[in-house]
């Protein structure tokens, strides 16, 4: 699928879905533009396949690079798979030119089955790598003060499997500025006073809220 660099990730996902295709890995926040993802080396979460970097699924791009005065000081180049310059351009973080168009190799649409399990963190270090190899979209939320890890058992399943959970992580939802300001003030106060108990209470409140809201899956 070929898209303009100003398209957002959410728009790309929606357009791909219309033709039953999907970008296999992407950042959690869908407000990024395609050009922004290329310019920052954005990635998803996985040790599988080509890896979770979005640029690994780019097979062609159009880039505007500096040129001589005779050429009008700029030149539009189209780079495709097999050209070593493509490998450089798609991880250049913007220093080689301005990427204006990207062609991504997408995959047939699929669903994901997600289960969250809370465990003691005593073996977290040893468990992390093996867990990541077992589940394509393995995820962790570690709460050291509570000595707990929430393991996200997350794997792809056929698109015709029942269930239609919506990815709706609370942390990325629109939040009233007064609420954000109040939370920040509370954290700064606890830091300045060395209030360890207050931070522990806040940590427990966070995990309770996430569990109550089914983490980020709105079923």
N, C-alpha and C. Protein backbone atom coordinates (compact mmCIF):
# COMPACT_ATOMS: atom_id res chain seq x y z
N UNK A 1 0.85 -1.19 0.00
CA UNK A 1 0.00 0.00 0.00
C UNK A 1 0.88 1.24 0.00
N UNK A 2 0.62 2.19 -0.90
CA UNK A 2 1.38 3.42 -1.00
C UNK A 2 0.59 4.56 -0.36
N UNK A 3 1.25 5.30 0.55
CA UNK A 3 0.58 6.37 1.28
C UNK A 3 1.48 7.60 1.35
N UNK A 4 0.86 8.76 1.52
CA UNK A 4 1.62 10.00 1.69
C UNK A 4 2.17 10.05 3.11
N UNK A 5 3.30 10.71 3.27
CA UNK A 5 3.97 10.72 4.57
C UNK A 5 3.18 11.47 5.64
N UNK A 6 2.26 12.35 5.22
CA UNK A 6 1.47 13.09 6.19
C UNK A 6 0.29 12.32 6.75
N UNK A 7 0.00 11.14 6.20
CA UNK A 7 -1.10 10.32 6.70
C UNK A 7 -0.77 9.82 8.10
N UNK A 8 -1.76 9.80 8.99
CA UNK A 8 -1.52 9.29 10.33
C UNK A 8 -1.59 7.76 10.34
N UNK A 9 -1.04 7.19 11.37
CA UNK A 9 -1.08 5.75 11.52
C UNK A 9 -2.52 5.26 11.59
N UNK A 10 -3.37 5.99 12.28
CA UNK A 10 -4.78 5.60 12.38
C UNK A 10 -5.44 5.58 11.00
N UNK A 11 -5.14 6.57 10.18
CA UNK A 11 -5.69 6.62 8.82
C UNK A 11 -5.19 5.46 7.98
N UNK A 12 -3.90 5.13 8.14
CA UNK A 12 -3.34 3.99 7.41
C UNK A 12 -4.04 2.70 7.80
N UNK A 13 -4.23 2.50 9.11
CA UNK A 13 -4.89 1.29 9.60
C UNK A 13 -6.31 1.19 9.05
N UNK A 14 -7.02 2.31 9.05
CA UNK A 14 -8.40 2.32 8.55
C UNK A 14 -8.45 2.02 7.05
N UNK A 15 -7.54 2.62 6.28
CA UNK A 15 -7.51 2.39 4.83
C UNK A 15 -7.14 0.95 4.52
N UNK A 16 -6.18 0.41 5.25
CA UNK A 16 -5.76 -0.98 5.03
C UNK A 16 -6.90 -1.94 5.35
N UNK A 17 -7.65 -1.64 6.40
CA UNK A 17 -8.76 -2.51 6.81
C UNK A 17 -9.83 -2.61 5.74
N UNK A 18 -10.00 -1.54 4.95
CA UNK A 18 -11.00 -1.55 3.89
C UNK A 18 -10.71 -2.62 2.84
N UNK A 19 -9.44 -2.97 2.69
CA UNK A 19 -9.06 -4.00 1.70
C UNK A 19 -8.54 -5.26 2.41
N UNK A 20 -8.92 -5.41 3.71
CA UNK A 20 -8.61 -6.60 4.50
C UNK A 20 -7.11 -6.82 4.67
N UNK A 21 -6.39 -5.73 4.89
CA UNK A 21 -4.95 -5.82 5.12
C UNK A 21 -4.61 -5.16 6.46
N UNK A 22 -3.40 -5.45 6.96
CA UNK A 22 -2.99 -4.90 8.25
C UNK A 22 -1.49 -4.68 8.29
N UNK A 23 -1.07 -3.62 9.00
CA UNK A 23 0.33 -3.42 9.31
C UNK A 23 0.61 -4.27 10.55
N UNK A 24 1.50 -5.26 10.48
CA UNK A 24 1.64 -6.21 11.58
C UNK A 24 2.12 -5.62 12.90
N UNK A 25 2.96 -4.59 12.84
CA UNK A 25 3.49 -4.00 14.07
C UNK A 25 3.46 -2.48 13.96
N UNK A 26 3.11 -1.83 15.05
CA UNK A 26 3.05 -0.37 15.04
C UNK A 26 3.16 0.14 16.47
N UNK A 27 3.49 1.42 16.66
CA UNK A 27 3.50 2.00 18.00
C UNK A 27 2.10 1.96 18.61
N UNK A 28 2.03 2.06 19.93
CA UNK A 28 0.73 2.05 20.61
C UNK A 28 -0.09 3.28 20.22
N UNK A 29 0.59 4.43 20.08
CA UNK A 29 -0.14 5.66 19.79
C UNK A 29 -0.33 5.81 18.29
N UNK A 30 -1.58 5.93 17.85
CA UNK A 30 -1.89 5.97 16.43
C UNK A 30 -1.93 7.38 15.86
N UNK A 31 -1.55 8.37 16.64
CA UNK A 31 -1.55 9.75 16.15
C UNK A 31 -0.32 10.11 15.36
N UNK A 32 0.69 9.25 15.35
CA UNK A 32 1.91 9.51 14.58
C UNK A 32 1.61 9.53 13.08
N UNK A 33 2.34 10.35 12.34
CA UNK A 33 2.23 10.30 10.88
C UNK A 33 3.21 9.26 10.35
N UNK A 34 2.99 8.85 9.10
CA UNK A 34 3.90 7.87 8.49
C UNK A 34 5.30 8.46 8.40
N UNK A 35 5.39 9.72 7.99
CA UNK A 35 6.69 10.37 7.94
C UNK A 35 7.32 10.48 9.32
N UNK A 36 6.49 10.74 10.33
CA UNK A 36 6.99 10.83 11.69
C UNK A 36 7.56 9.51 12.18
N UNK A 37 6.89 8.40 11.82
CA UNK A 37 7.39 7.08 12.21
C UNK A 37 8.73 6.80 11.55
N UNK A 38 8.86 7.18 10.28
CA UNK A 38 10.11 6.96 9.57
C UNK A 38 11.21 7.85 10.17
N UNK A 39 10.83 9.08 10.52
CA UNK A 39 11.81 10.03 11.02
C UNK A 39 12.27 9.77 12.43
N UNK A 40 11.54 8.94 13.16
CA UNK A 40 11.93 8.65 14.55
C UNK A 40 12.29 7.19 14.77
N UNK A 41 12.20 6.38 13.74
CA UNK A 41 12.50 4.95 13.91
C UNK A 41 11.47 4.26 14.77
N UNK A 42 10.21 4.68 14.68
CA UNK A 42 9.16 4.14 15.54
C UNK A 42 8.98 2.64 15.32
N UNK A 43 8.53 1.96 16.36
CA UNK A 43 8.39 0.51 16.30
C UNK A 43 7.25 0.04 17.17
N UNK A 44 6.88 -1.21 16.97
CA UNK A 44 5.86 -1.83 17.81
C UNK A 44 6.53 -2.68 18.87
N UNK A 45 5.95 -3.86 19.13
CA UNK A 45 6.49 -4.72 20.17
C UNK A 45 6.47 -6.16 19.70
N UNK A 46 7.63 -6.71 19.37
CA UNK A 46 7.72 -8.12 19.01
C UNK A 46 9.16 -8.50 18.70
N UNK A 47 9.47 -9.76 18.98
CA UNK A 47 10.77 -10.33 18.60
C UNK A 47 10.62 -11.22 17.37
N UNK A 48 9.42 -11.28 16.82
CA UNK A 48 9.13 -12.23 15.76
C UNK A 48 9.37 -11.64 14.37
N UNK A 49 9.45 -12.53 13.38
CA UNK A 49 9.53 -12.12 11.98
C UNK A 49 10.68 -11.18 11.70
N UNK A 50 10.40 -10.12 10.96
CA UNK A 50 11.41 -9.12 10.64
C UNK A 50 11.71 -8.23 11.83
N UNK A 51 10.94 -8.35 12.88
CA UNK A 51 11.07 -7.46 14.01
C UNK A 51 9.93 -6.47 14.02
N UNK A 52 9.92 -5.58 14.99
CA UNK A 52 8.76 -4.70 15.19
C UNK A 52 8.94 -3.31 14.62
N UNK A 53 10.07 -3.02 13.95
CA UNK A 53 10.29 -1.70 13.39
C UNK A 53 9.42 -1.51 12.15
N UNK A 54 8.72 -0.39 12.09
CA UNK A 54 7.84 -0.12 10.94
C UNK A 54 8.65 -0.05 9.65
N UNK A 55 9.86 0.49 9.70
CA UNK A 55 10.64 0.65 8.47
C UNK A 55 11.03 -0.69 7.83
N UNK A 56 10.96 -1.77 8.60
CA UNK A 56 11.29 -3.09 8.02
C UNK A 56 10.23 -3.55 7.03
N UNK A 57 9.09 -2.87 7.00
CA UNK A 57 8.00 -3.24 6.09
C UNK A 57 7.85 -2.24 4.95
N UNK A 58 8.84 -1.35 4.82
CA UNK A 58 8.86 -0.38 3.72
C UNK A 58 9.59 -0.99 2.53
N UNK A 59 8.93 -1.03 1.38
CA UNK A 59 9.55 -1.61 0.18
C UNK A 59 9.84 -0.55 -0.89
N UNK A 60 9.32 0.66 -0.69
CA UNK A 60 9.63 1.74 -1.61
C UNK A 60 9.30 3.07 -0.94
N UNK A 61 10.08 4.08 -1.26
CA UNK A 61 9.76 5.41 -0.74
C UNK A 61 10.21 6.48 -1.72
N UNK A 62 9.57 7.63 -1.61
CA UNK A 62 9.94 8.79 -2.40
C UNK A 62 10.53 9.81 -1.44
N UNK A 63 11.71 10.32 -1.76
CA UNK A 63 12.41 11.22 -0.87
C UNK A 63 12.94 12.42 -1.64
N UNK A 64 12.82 13.60 -1.04
CA UNK A 64 13.34 14.83 -1.64
C UNK A 64 14.69 15.12 -0.99
N UNK A 65 15.75 15.13 -1.82
CA UNK A 65 17.11 15.31 -1.31
C UNK A 65 17.74 16.58 -1.88
N UNK A 66 18.75 17.14 -1.21
CA UNK A 66 19.45 18.33 -1.72
C UNK A 66 20.15 18.01 -3.04
N UNK A 67 20.28 19.02 -3.88
CA UNK A 67 20.96 18.83 -5.16
C UNK A 67 21.66 20.13 -5.56
N UNK A 68 22.26 20.12 -6.75
CA UNK A 68 23.02 21.27 -7.23
C UNK A 68 22.09 22.39 -7.67
N UNK A 69 22.68 23.56 -7.87
CA UNK A 69 21.90 24.71 -8.33
C UNK A 69 21.30 24.43 -9.70
N UNK A 70 22.06 23.72 -10.55
CA UNK A 70 21.56 23.39 -11.89
C UNK A 70 20.31 22.53 -11.83
N UNK A 71 20.17 21.75 -10.76
CA UNK A 71 19.02 20.86 -10.60
C UNK A 71 17.91 21.50 -9.75
N UNK A 72 18.10 22.81 -9.45
CA UNK A 72 17.07 23.49 -8.66
C UNK A 72 17.21 23.27 -7.17
N UNK A 73 18.39 22.84 -6.73
CA UNK A 73 18.73 22.64 -5.31
C UNK A 73 18.00 21.46 -4.65
N UNK A 74 17.16 20.79 -5.36
CA UNK A 74 16.46 19.64 -4.78
C UNK A 74 16.16 18.62 -5.86
N UNK A 75 16.07 17.37 -5.47
CA UNK A 75 15.78 16.30 -6.42
C UNK A 75 14.86 15.28 -5.75
N UNK A 76 13.85 14.84 -6.50
CA UNK A 76 12.94 13.81 -5.99
C UNK A 76 13.44 12.45 -6.44
N UNK A 77 13.69 11.58 -5.49
CA UNK A 77 14.20 10.24 -5.80
C UNK A 77 13.18 9.19 -5.35
N UNK A 78 13.07 8.14 -6.11
CA UNK A 78 12.23 6.99 -5.74
C UNK A 78 13.16 5.81 -5.52
N UNK A 79 13.17 5.29 -4.32
CA UNK A 79 14.04 4.18 -3.95
C UNK A 79 13.21 2.94 -3.70
N UNK A 80 13.65 1.80 -4.23
CA UNK A 80 12.89 0.56 -4.11
C UNK A 80 13.75 -0.56 -3.51
N UNK A 81 13.09 -1.65 -3.12
CA UNK A 81 13.79 -2.81 -2.57
C UNK A 81 14.88 -3.26 -3.54
N UNK A 82 16.03 -3.60 -2.99
CA UNK A 82 17.16 -3.99 -3.82
C UNK A 82 18.17 -2.87 -3.97
N UNK A 83 17.74 -1.65 -3.75
CA UNK A 83 18.62 -0.49 -3.82
C UNK A 83 19.18 -0.23 -2.42
N UNK A 84 20.50 -0.31 -2.25
CA UNK A 84 21.08 -0.11 -0.91
C UNK A 84 20.76 1.27 -0.33
N UNK A 85 20.45 2.24 -1.19
CA UNK A 85 20.11 3.57 -0.70
C UNK A 85 18.78 3.56 0.05
N UNK A 86 17.90 2.61 -0.29
CA UNK A 86 16.64 2.50 0.44
C UNK A 86 16.91 2.12 1.88
N UNK A 87 17.81 1.18 2.09
CA UNK A 87 18.14 0.75 3.45
C UNK A 87 18.66 1.91 4.29
N UNK A 88 19.42 2.81 3.63
CA UNK A 88 19.95 3.97 4.35
C UNK A 88 18.86 4.99 4.62
N UNK A 89 18.04 5.27 3.59
CA UNK A 89 17.03 6.32 3.70
C UNK A 89 15.97 6.02 4.74
N UNK A 90 15.56 4.74 4.84
CA UNK A 90 14.45 4.43 5.75
C UNK A 90 14.85 4.37 7.21
N UNK A 91 16.15 4.49 7.49
CA UNK A 91 16.60 4.59 8.89
C UNK A 91 17.44 5.85 9.10
N UNK A 92 17.30 6.83 8.22
CA UNK A 92 18.15 8.02 8.26
C UNK A 92 17.71 9.06 9.27
N UNK A 93 16.56 8.87 9.88
CA UNK A 93 16.02 9.82 10.87
C UNK A 93 15.92 11.23 10.30
N UNK A 94 15.70 11.31 8.98
CA UNK A 94 15.46 12.61 8.35
C UNK A 94 16.69 13.36 7.87
N UNK A 95 17.89 12.85 8.13
CA UNK A 95 19.08 13.63 7.78
C UNK A 95 19.44 13.56 6.29
N UNK A 96 18.90 12.61 5.55
CA UNK A 96 19.22 12.48 4.13
C UNK A 96 18.23 13.20 3.22
N UNK A 97 17.12 13.63 3.78
CA UNK A 97 16.12 14.30 2.97
C UNK A 97 14.75 14.19 3.59
N UNK A 98 13.75 14.68 2.86
CA UNK A 98 12.37 14.66 3.34
C UNK A 98 11.60 13.55 2.63
N UNK A 99 11.12 12.59 3.39
CA UNK A 99 10.35 11.49 2.81
C UNK A 99 8.92 11.97 2.57
N UNK A 100 8.46 11.84 1.33
CA UNK A 100 7.13 12.35 0.99
C UNK A 100 6.11 11.25 0.74
N UNK A 101 6.57 10.05 0.43
CA UNK A 101 5.65 8.96 0.14
C UNK A 101 6.29 7.63 0.51
N UNK A 102 5.49 6.71 1.02
CA UNK A 102 6.01 5.43 1.48
C UNK A 102 5.12 4.30 0.98
N UNK A 103 5.74 3.21 0.55
CA UNK A 103 5.00 2.00 0.18
C UNK A 103 5.33 0.91 1.19
N UNK A 104 4.31 0.40 1.86
CA UNK A 104 4.48 -0.60 2.91
C UNK A 104 3.96 -1.95 2.43
N UNK A 105 4.67 -3.01 2.81
CA UNK A 105 4.22 -4.36 2.54
C UNK A 105 3.35 -4.81 3.70
N UNK A 106 2.05 -4.87 3.47
CA UNK A 106 1.11 -5.23 4.51
C UNK A 106 0.82 -6.73 4.51
N UNK A 107 0.07 -7.18 5.50
CA UNK A 107 -0.28 -8.59 5.64
C UNK A 107 -1.80 -8.75 5.69
N UNK A 108 -2.29 -9.95 5.41
CA UNK A 108 -3.74 -10.18 5.52
C UNK A 108 -4.22 -9.84 6.93
N UNK A 109 -5.40 -9.27 7.01
CA UNK A 109 -5.95 -8.84 8.30
C UNK A 109 -6.10 -10.01 9.26
N UNK A 110 -5.88 -9.74 10.53
CA UNK A 110 -6.01 -10.77 11.57
C UNK A 110 -6.48 -10.10 12.85
N UNK A 111 -6.91 -10.91 13.80
CA UNK A 111 -7.27 -10.42 15.12
C UNK A 111 -6.18 -10.83 16.11
N UNK A 112 -6.26 -10.30 17.31
CA UNK A 112 -5.33 -10.68 18.37
C UNK A 112 -6.11 -11.11 19.61
N UNK A 113 -5.63 -12.19 20.21
CA UNK A 113 -6.22 -12.69 21.45
C UNK A 113 -5.32 -12.26 22.60
N UNK A 114 -5.87 -11.54 23.57
CA UNK A 114 -5.06 -10.98 24.66
C UNK A 114 -5.58 -11.45 26.01
N UNK A 115 -4.65 -11.95 26.83
CA UNK A 115 -4.97 -12.34 28.21
C UNK A 115 -3.89 -11.74 29.11
N UNK A 116 -4.31 -11.16 30.25
CA UNK A 116 -3.36 -10.57 31.18
C UNK A 116 -3.28 -11.40 32.45
N UNK A 117 -2.04 -11.69 32.86
CA UNK A 117 -1.81 -12.50 34.05
C UNK A 117 -0.84 -11.75 34.97
N UNK A 118 -1.21 -11.60 36.23
CA UNK A 118 -0.35 -10.91 37.21
C UNK A 118 0.44 -11.93 38.01
N UNK A 119 1.78 -11.74 38.07
CA UNK A 119 2.66 -12.66 38.80
C UNK A 119 3.65 -11.88 39.66
N UNK A 120 4.24 -12.59 40.58
CA UNK A 120 5.33 -12.04 41.38
C UNK A 120 6.52 -11.77 40.46
N UNK A 121 7.29 -10.71 40.74
CA UNK A 121 8.39 -10.34 39.84
C UNK A 121 9.73 -11.00 40.18
N UNK A 122 9.73 -12.01 41.04
CA UNK A 122 10.99 -12.62 41.50
C UNK A 122 11.81 -13.23 40.36
N UNK A 123 11.15 -13.73 39.31
CA UNK A 123 11.89 -14.33 38.19
C UNK A 123 11.69 -13.54 36.90
N UNK A 124 11.37 -12.26 37.03
CA UNK A 124 11.06 -11.44 35.86
C UNK A 124 12.23 -11.37 34.88
N UNK A 125 13.44 -11.20 35.40
CA UNK A 125 14.61 -11.08 34.55
C UNK A 125 14.80 -12.29 33.66
N UNK A 126 14.67 -13.47 34.23
CA UNK A 126 14.85 -14.71 33.46
C UNK A 126 13.67 -14.98 32.55
N UNK A 127 12.50 -14.52 32.95
CA UNK A 127 11.27 -14.82 32.22
C UNK A 127 11.08 -13.94 30.99
N UNK A 128 11.62 -12.73 31.03
CA UNK A 128 11.32 -11.74 30.00
C UNK A 128 11.62 -12.21 28.58
N UNK A 129 12.85 -12.70 28.34
CA UNK A 129 13.23 -13.09 26.98
C UNK A 129 12.45 -14.30 26.51
N UNK A 130 12.34 -15.33 27.35
CA UNK A 130 11.64 -16.54 26.93
C UNK A 130 10.17 -16.25 26.67
N UNK A 131 9.58 -15.38 27.48
CA UNK A 131 8.17 -15.03 27.29
C UNK A 131 7.97 -14.30 25.95
N UNK A 132 8.92 -13.44 25.63
CA UNK A 132 8.85 -12.72 24.36
C UNK A 132 8.95 -13.63 23.16
N UNK A 133 9.65 -14.75 23.32
CA UNK A 133 9.77 -15.71 22.22
C UNK A 133 8.52 -16.58 22.08
N UNK A 134 7.76 -16.70 23.15
CA UNK A 134 6.58 -17.57 23.14
C UNK A 134 5.35 -16.89 22.54
N UNK A 135 5.26 -15.57 22.67
CA UNK A 135 4.05 -14.86 22.23
C UNK A 135 4.44 -13.69 21.33
N UNK A 136 3.80 -13.62 20.17
CA UNK A 136 4.21 -12.64 19.16
C UNK A 136 4.14 -11.20 19.67
N UNK A 137 3.11 -10.87 20.42
CA UNK A 137 2.96 -9.50 20.91
C UNK A 137 3.11 -9.43 22.43
N UNK A 138 3.98 -10.25 22.96
CA UNK A 138 4.20 -10.29 24.41
C UNK A 138 4.45 -8.89 24.97
N UNK A 139 3.88 -8.64 26.13
CA UNK A 139 4.00 -7.32 26.73
C UNK A 139 4.13 -7.46 28.24
N UNK A 140 4.75 -6.46 28.87
CA UNK A 140 4.91 -6.47 30.33
C UNK A 140 4.56 -5.11 30.90
N UNK A 141 3.97 -5.12 32.07
CA UNK A 141 3.84 -3.91 32.87
C UNK A 141 4.39 -4.26 34.25
N UNK A 142 5.53 -3.64 34.59
CA UNK A 142 6.24 -4.00 35.82
C UNK A 142 5.99 -2.93 36.88
N UNK A 143 5.60 -3.40 38.06
CA UNK A 143 5.36 -2.51 39.21
C UNK A 143 6.29 -2.92 40.34
N UNK A 144 7.54 -2.42 40.33
CA UNK A 144 8.55 -2.84 41.31
C UNK A 144 8.12 -2.65 42.75
N UNK A 145 7.43 -1.53 43.05
CA UNK A 145 7.04 -1.26 44.44
C UNK A 145 6.05 -2.30 44.97
N UNK A 146 5.31 -2.93 44.03
CA UNK A 146 4.34 -3.95 44.41
C UNK A 146 4.87 -5.36 44.18
N UNK A 147 6.10 -5.43 43.65
CA UNK A 147 6.74 -6.71 43.35
C UNK A 147 5.86 -7.56 42.43
N UNK A 148 5.26 -6.90 41.45
CA UNK A 148 4.36 -7.57 40.52
C UNK A 148 4.69 -7.23 39.08
N UNK A 149 4.41 -8.19 38.19
CA UNK A 149 4.51 -7.98 36.75
C UNK A 149 3.19 -8.44 36.13
N UNK A 150 2.63 -7.61 35.26
CA UNK A 150 1.45 -8.01 34.51
C UNK A 150 1.92 -8.46 33.13
N UNK A 151 1.77 -9.75 32.86
CA UNK A 151 2.19 -10.33 31.58
C UNK A 151 1.03 -10.27 30.59
N UNK A 152 1.31 -9.70 29.42
CA UNK A 152 0.31 -9.67 28.36
C UNK A 152 0.53 -10.82 27.40
N UNK A 153 -0.31 -11.85 27.49
CA UNK A 153 -0.23 -13.01 26.58
C UNK A 153 -1.02 -12.63 25.34
N UNK A 154 -0.31 -12.26 24.29
CA UNK A 154 -0.94 -11.59 23.15
C UNK A 154 -0.46 -12.24 21.85
N UNK A 155 -1.37 -12.90 21.15
CA UNK A 155 -1.02 -13.60 19.91
C UNK A 155 -2.07 -13.33 18.84
N UNK A 156 -1.66 -13.44 17.57
CA UNK A 156 -2.62 -13.25 16.49
C UNK A 156 -3.48 -14.49 16.31
N UNK A 157 -4.73 -14.26 15.91
CA UNK A 157 -5.68 -15.33 15.64
C UNK A 157 -6.40 -14.99 14.34
N UNK A 158 -7.08 -15.96 13.70
CA UNK A 158 -7.79 -15.68 12.45
C UNK A 158 -8.83 -14.56 12.61
N UNK A 159 -9.05 -13.81 11.55
CA UNK A 159 -9.97 -12.68 11.61
C UNK A 159 -11.42 -13.10 11.79
N UNK A 160 -11.73 -14.39 11.54
CA UNK A 160 -13.11 -14.85 11.70
C UNK A 160 -13.39 -15.38 13.09
N UNK A 161 -12.41 -15.30 13.99
CA UNK A 161 -12.64 -15.74 15.37
C UNK A 161 -13.58 -14.75 16.06
N UNK A 162 -14.45 -15.26 16.92
CA UNK A 162 -15.43 -14.41 17.60
C UNK A 162 -14.74 -13.42 18.54
N UNK A 163 -15.40 -12.29 18.77
CA UNK A 163 -14.86 -11.27 19.66
C UNK A 163 -14.39 -10.06 18.88
N UNK A 164 -14.65 -8.88 19.43
CA UNK A 164 -14.26 -7.64 18.77
C UNK A 164 -13.79 -6.62 19.81
N UNK A 165 -12.72 -6.96 20.53
CA UNK A 165 -12.16 -6.04 21.50
C UNK A 165 -11.56 -4.83 20.81
N UNK A 166 -11.67 -3.67 21.44
CA UNK A 166 -11.15 -2.43 20.88
C UNK A 166 -9.93 -1.97 21.65
N UNK A 167 -8.83 -1.71 20.95
CA UNK A 167 -7.63 -1.18 21.58
C UNK A 167 -7.90 0.26 22.01
N UNK A 168 -7.99 0.50 23.29
CA UNK A 168 -8.39 1.81 23.78
C UNK A 168 -7.66 2.10 25.09
N UNK A 169 -6.35 2.15 25.04
CA UNK A 169 -5.52 2.33 26.22
C UNK A 169 -5.83 3.66 26.92
N UNK A 170 -6.19 3.63 28.20
CA UNK A 170 -6.58 4.86 28.91
C UNK A 170 -5.53 5.96 28.85
N UNK A 171 -4.25 5.58 28.86
CA UNK A 171 -3.18 6.57 28.85
C UNK A 171 -3.12 7.42 27.60
N UNK A 172 -3.73 6.94 26.51
CA UNK A 172 -3.68 7.69 25.26
C UNK A 172 -5.01 8.36 24.93
N UNK A 173 -5.96 8.30 25.85
CA UNK A 173 -7.23 8.97 25.62
C UNK A 173 -7.12 10.45 25.96
N UNK A 174 -8.02 11.23 25.41
CA UNK A 174 -8.07 12.66 25.73
C UNK A 174 -8.38 12.82 27.22
N UNK A 175 -7.60 13.64 27.91
CA UNK A 175 -7.77 13.84 29.35
C UNK A 175 -7.90 15.33 29.65
N UNK A 176 -8.81 15.67 30.52
CA UNK A 176 -8.99 17.07 30.91
C UNK A 176 -7.70 17.61 31.52
N UNK A 177 -7.27 18.78 31.08
CA UNK A 177 -5.99 19.34 31.51
C UNK A 177 -5.90 19.51 33.02
N UNK A 178 -7.03 19.82 33.68
CA UNK A 178 -7.04 19.99 35.13
C UNK A 178 -6.67 18.68 35.83
N UNK A 179 -7.12 17.55 35.28
CA UNK A 179 -6.80 16.25 35.87
C UNK A 179 -5.31 15.97 35.73
N UNK A 180 -4.76 16.22 34.54
CA UNK A 180 -3.34 15.98 34.30
C UNK A 180 -2.50 16.87 35.22
N UNK A 181 -2.90 18.14 35.35
CA UNK A 181 -2.18 19.08 36.21
C UNK A 181 -2.21 18.64 37.67
N UNK A 182 -3.36 18.16 38.11
CA UNK A 182 -3.51 17.72 39.51
C UNK A 182 -2.63 16.52 39.81
N UNK A 183 -2.60 15.57 38.87
CA UNK A 183 -1.77 14.37 39.05
C UNK A 183 -0.30 14.75 39.10
N UNK A 184 0.11 15.65 38.21
CA UNK A 184 1.51 16.08 38.19
C UNK A 184 1.89 16.80 39.48
N UNK A 185 1.01 17.66 39.98
CA UNK A 185 1.27 18.38 41.23
C UNK A 185 1.41 17.41 42.40
N UNK A 186 0.55 16.39 42.43
CA UNK A 186 0.61 15.39 43.50
C UNK A 186 1.93 14.63 43.46
N UNK A 187 2.37 14.26 42.25
CA UNK A 187 3.64 13.54 42.11
C UNK A 187 4.82 14.40 42.55
N UNK A 188 4.83 15.66 42.16
CA UNK A 188 5.93 16.56 42.53
C UNK A 188 5.97 16.78 44.04
N UNK A 189 4.79 16.86 44.65
CA UNK A 189 4.73 17.05 46.10
C UNK A 189 5.29 15.83 46.83
N UNK A 190 4.91 14.64 46.36
CA UNK A 190 5.43 13.40 46.96
C UNK A 190 6.94 13.30 46.81
N UNK A 191 7.45 13.71 45.65
CA UNK A 191 8.89 13.67 45.41
C UNK A 191 9.61 14.63 46.36
N UNK A 192 9.10 15.85 46.46
CA UNK A 192 9.77 16.86 47.28
C UNK A 192 9.75 16.51 48.77
N UNK A 193 8.72 15.79 49.20
CA UNK A 193 8.59 15.43 50.62
C UNK A 193 9.11 14.04 50.93
N UNK A 194 9.56 13.33 49.89
CA UNK A 194 10.05 11.97 50.11
C UNK A 194 8.95 11.06 50.61
N UNK A 195 7.75 11.27 50.10
CA UNK A 195 6.57 10.54 50.57
C UNK A 195 6.46 9.19 49.85
N UNK A 196 7.18 8.20 50.36
CA UNK A 196 7.18 6.87 49.73
C UNK A 196 5.81 6.21 49.83
N UNK A 197 5.14 6.39 50.96
CA UNK A 197 3.82 5.78 51.12
C UNK A 197 2.82 6.33 50.11
N UNK A 198 2.90 7.64 49.88
CA UNK A 198 2.01 8.26 48.92
C UNK A 198 2.22 7.71 47.52
N UNK A 199 3.48 7.50 47.14
CA UNK A 199 3.77 6.96 45.82
C UNK A 199 3.29 5.52 45.70
N UNK A 200 3.40 4.76 46.79
CA UNK A 200 2.91 3.38 46.77
C UNK A 200 1.38 3.35 46.62
N UNK A 201 0.72 4.26 47.31
CA UNK A 201 -0.74 4.33 47.20
C UNK A 201 -1.14 4.67 45.77
N UNK A 202 -0.42 5.61 45.16
CA UNK A 202 -0.70 5.99 43.77
C UNK A 202 -0.47 4.82 42.82
N UNK A 203 0.61 4.05 43.09
CA UNK A 203 0.91 2.89 42.26
C UNK A 203 -0.20 1.86 42.32
N UNK A 204 -0.69 1.59 43.53
CA UNK A 204 -1.78 0.63 43.70
C UNK A 204 -3.06 1.14 43.06
N UNK A 205 -3.27 2.45 43.15
CA UNK A 205 -4.45 3.04 42.53
C UNK A 205 -4.41 2.88 41.01
N UNK A 206 -3.21 3.02 40.45
CA UNK A 206 -3.05 2.88 38.99
C UNK A 206 -3.36 1.46 38.54
N UNK A 207 -2.80 0.48 39.23
CA UNK A 207 -3.04 -0.91 38.84
C UNK A 207 -4.51 -1.29 39.03
N UNK A 208 -5.12 -0.78 40.11
CA UNK A 208 -6.54 -1.07 40.35
C UNK A 208 -7.39 -0.48 39.22
N UNK A 209 -7.07 0.74 38.81
CA UNK A 209 -7.84 1.39 37.75
C UNK A 209 -7.72 0.62 36.44
N UNK A 210 -6.49 0.20 36.11
CA UNK A 210 -6.28 -0.54 34.86
C UNK A 210 -7.03 -1.87 34.87
N UNK A 211 -6.98 -2.56 36.01
CA UNK A 211 -7.69 -3.83 36.10
C UNK A 211 -9.20 -3.62 36.00
N UNK A 212 -9.69 -2.59 36.65
CA UNK A 212 -11.13 -2.30 36.62
C UNK A 212 -11.59 -1.98 35.20
N UNK A 213 -10.72 -1.31 34.46
CA UNK A 213 -11.07 -0.92 33.09
C UNK A 213 -10.67 -2.00 32.08
N UNK A 214 -10.34 -3.20 32.58
CA UNK A 214 -9.88 -4.29 31.72
C UNK A 214 -8.65 -3.86 30.93
N UNK A 215 -7.71 -3.18 31.63
CA UNK A 215 -6.49 -2.65 31.01
C UNK A 215 -6.88 -1.74 29.86
N UNK A 216 -6.62 -2.11 28.61
CA UNK A 216 -7.02 -1.19 27.55
C UNK A 216 -7.94 -1.86 26.54
N UNK A 217 -8.54 -2.95 26.91
CA UNK A 217 -9.46 -3.60 25.98
C UNK A 217 -10.90 -3.30 26.34
N UNK A 218 -11.57 -2.58 25.47
CA UNK A 218 -12.98 -2.25 25.69
C UNK A 218 -13.79 -3.28 24.89
N UNK A 219 -14.34 -4.27 25.58
CA UNK A 219 -15.00 -5.38 24.89
C UNK A 219 -16.44 -5.00 24.54
